Amino acid sequence: MNNLEEEYPELKECTLCEWKCGVNRFKEKGKCGIGIPLVASSMLHPAPPASYDAFMVGCNFCCLGCQNHNIAMYGWAKIKYSIEGYYKPEDWAKIGVRALKSKAGRFIGADRLFFTGGEPTCSLPWIEKVVEYARNIEPDVKVNFDTNGFMTENSLKRILKFTTSITYDIKAFSEKTFKELTGAFVEPVLRNIRYILQNAKDKLWEIRVLAIPGIHEKEITPLASFLSEIEPEIPVNFLSFRPEFLMEDYRGATQKFLTWCVKEARKNGLKNVTWSGLTDIPGKVLPLETILKEKKCTNHSNRYCGKCKNFYDCRLRKS
């Protein structure tokens, strides 16, 4: 552990994301729930952009409908999901570059390393080292950073220095809905996408919005207006919500709803809008506050993980 403390000194007082916990991650947990950077799994992935992916453990959100909760909530789970673990940055870099050059990698057109999760910002110092080693092997290797946008301004600038492309999730536009869905506050996410669009828009692969029926009807118009005022040509994809994690009984998005999302976004100024994903999964629609109450969130009427006195004993994260 001492060698890792020397290699990642900033984890002794971590302020990588907007929570700015300031904890010593070698001794205690912050909001992300992890200590050293850990890889849950690595694989070639054909979905655009085709890539070799590192799914990083840990996340600074606790999304009610998290699609990768075994990875994101790993630090809090009572029963641990099997993961690959810690890699020396140079070792994962070699594996990644080799995978891109492999027959399977060339077959799917994989042309970049892709860091996702969980939330890769929590593992930023490790990722920077991986990219440095990878580019010593293959100087032109591309890099994608897949993020929820909840990083500090300094972390974002670091990310922009080494990335070729960014895939960016916006969970909601209004503060109330964003807090209910994620437990975090929305301002940094909107601030950071504004910065990217104004300073590095060519790096933005797409913005993704998980479209949840009964929740996002009031989110699409203000979000589309906000984005179109900055850059109307940006690619925006509405992802079809599918029941998962604490929303496993919730109804999935319908084709009709997703088509409406696209039309509404275009009506409000966005020009490059699509939707994707499996549709029409049956279930029920409930207010988010009701779900939070049923799942025993102690702050179900005003969810905000940053000030929750029960954060380290959170029933949602340990579900």
Foldseek 3Di string as FASTA:
>chain_A
DVVVCVLCVCLCQPQFFPLSQGHNLVVDDDLFLHRAKWFFDWAFDLPPVTFIETAIATANWLFLQDPQLLRHLQNQAPDHDHGPTDDQLLVVLVVRVVCCVDPVNVVSVHQAYEYHHRACSVNQSSVVSNLVNNCVVPVPGAYEHEHQQRTDPVSLVVVVVRHQAYEYEDAFDDQQLCCLRILAGRVRNLVSVLCCLVPPLNRYPEYEYADAPPRCPVGLQVVLLSVQVSPQAGAYEHEWRAQHQLRNQGWIAAPVRRVVSQVSSVVNRHDHYYYDDDHGHDHHDDPSLVSCVVQPAVPSVRRHLSPDPCNSVGSSSHD
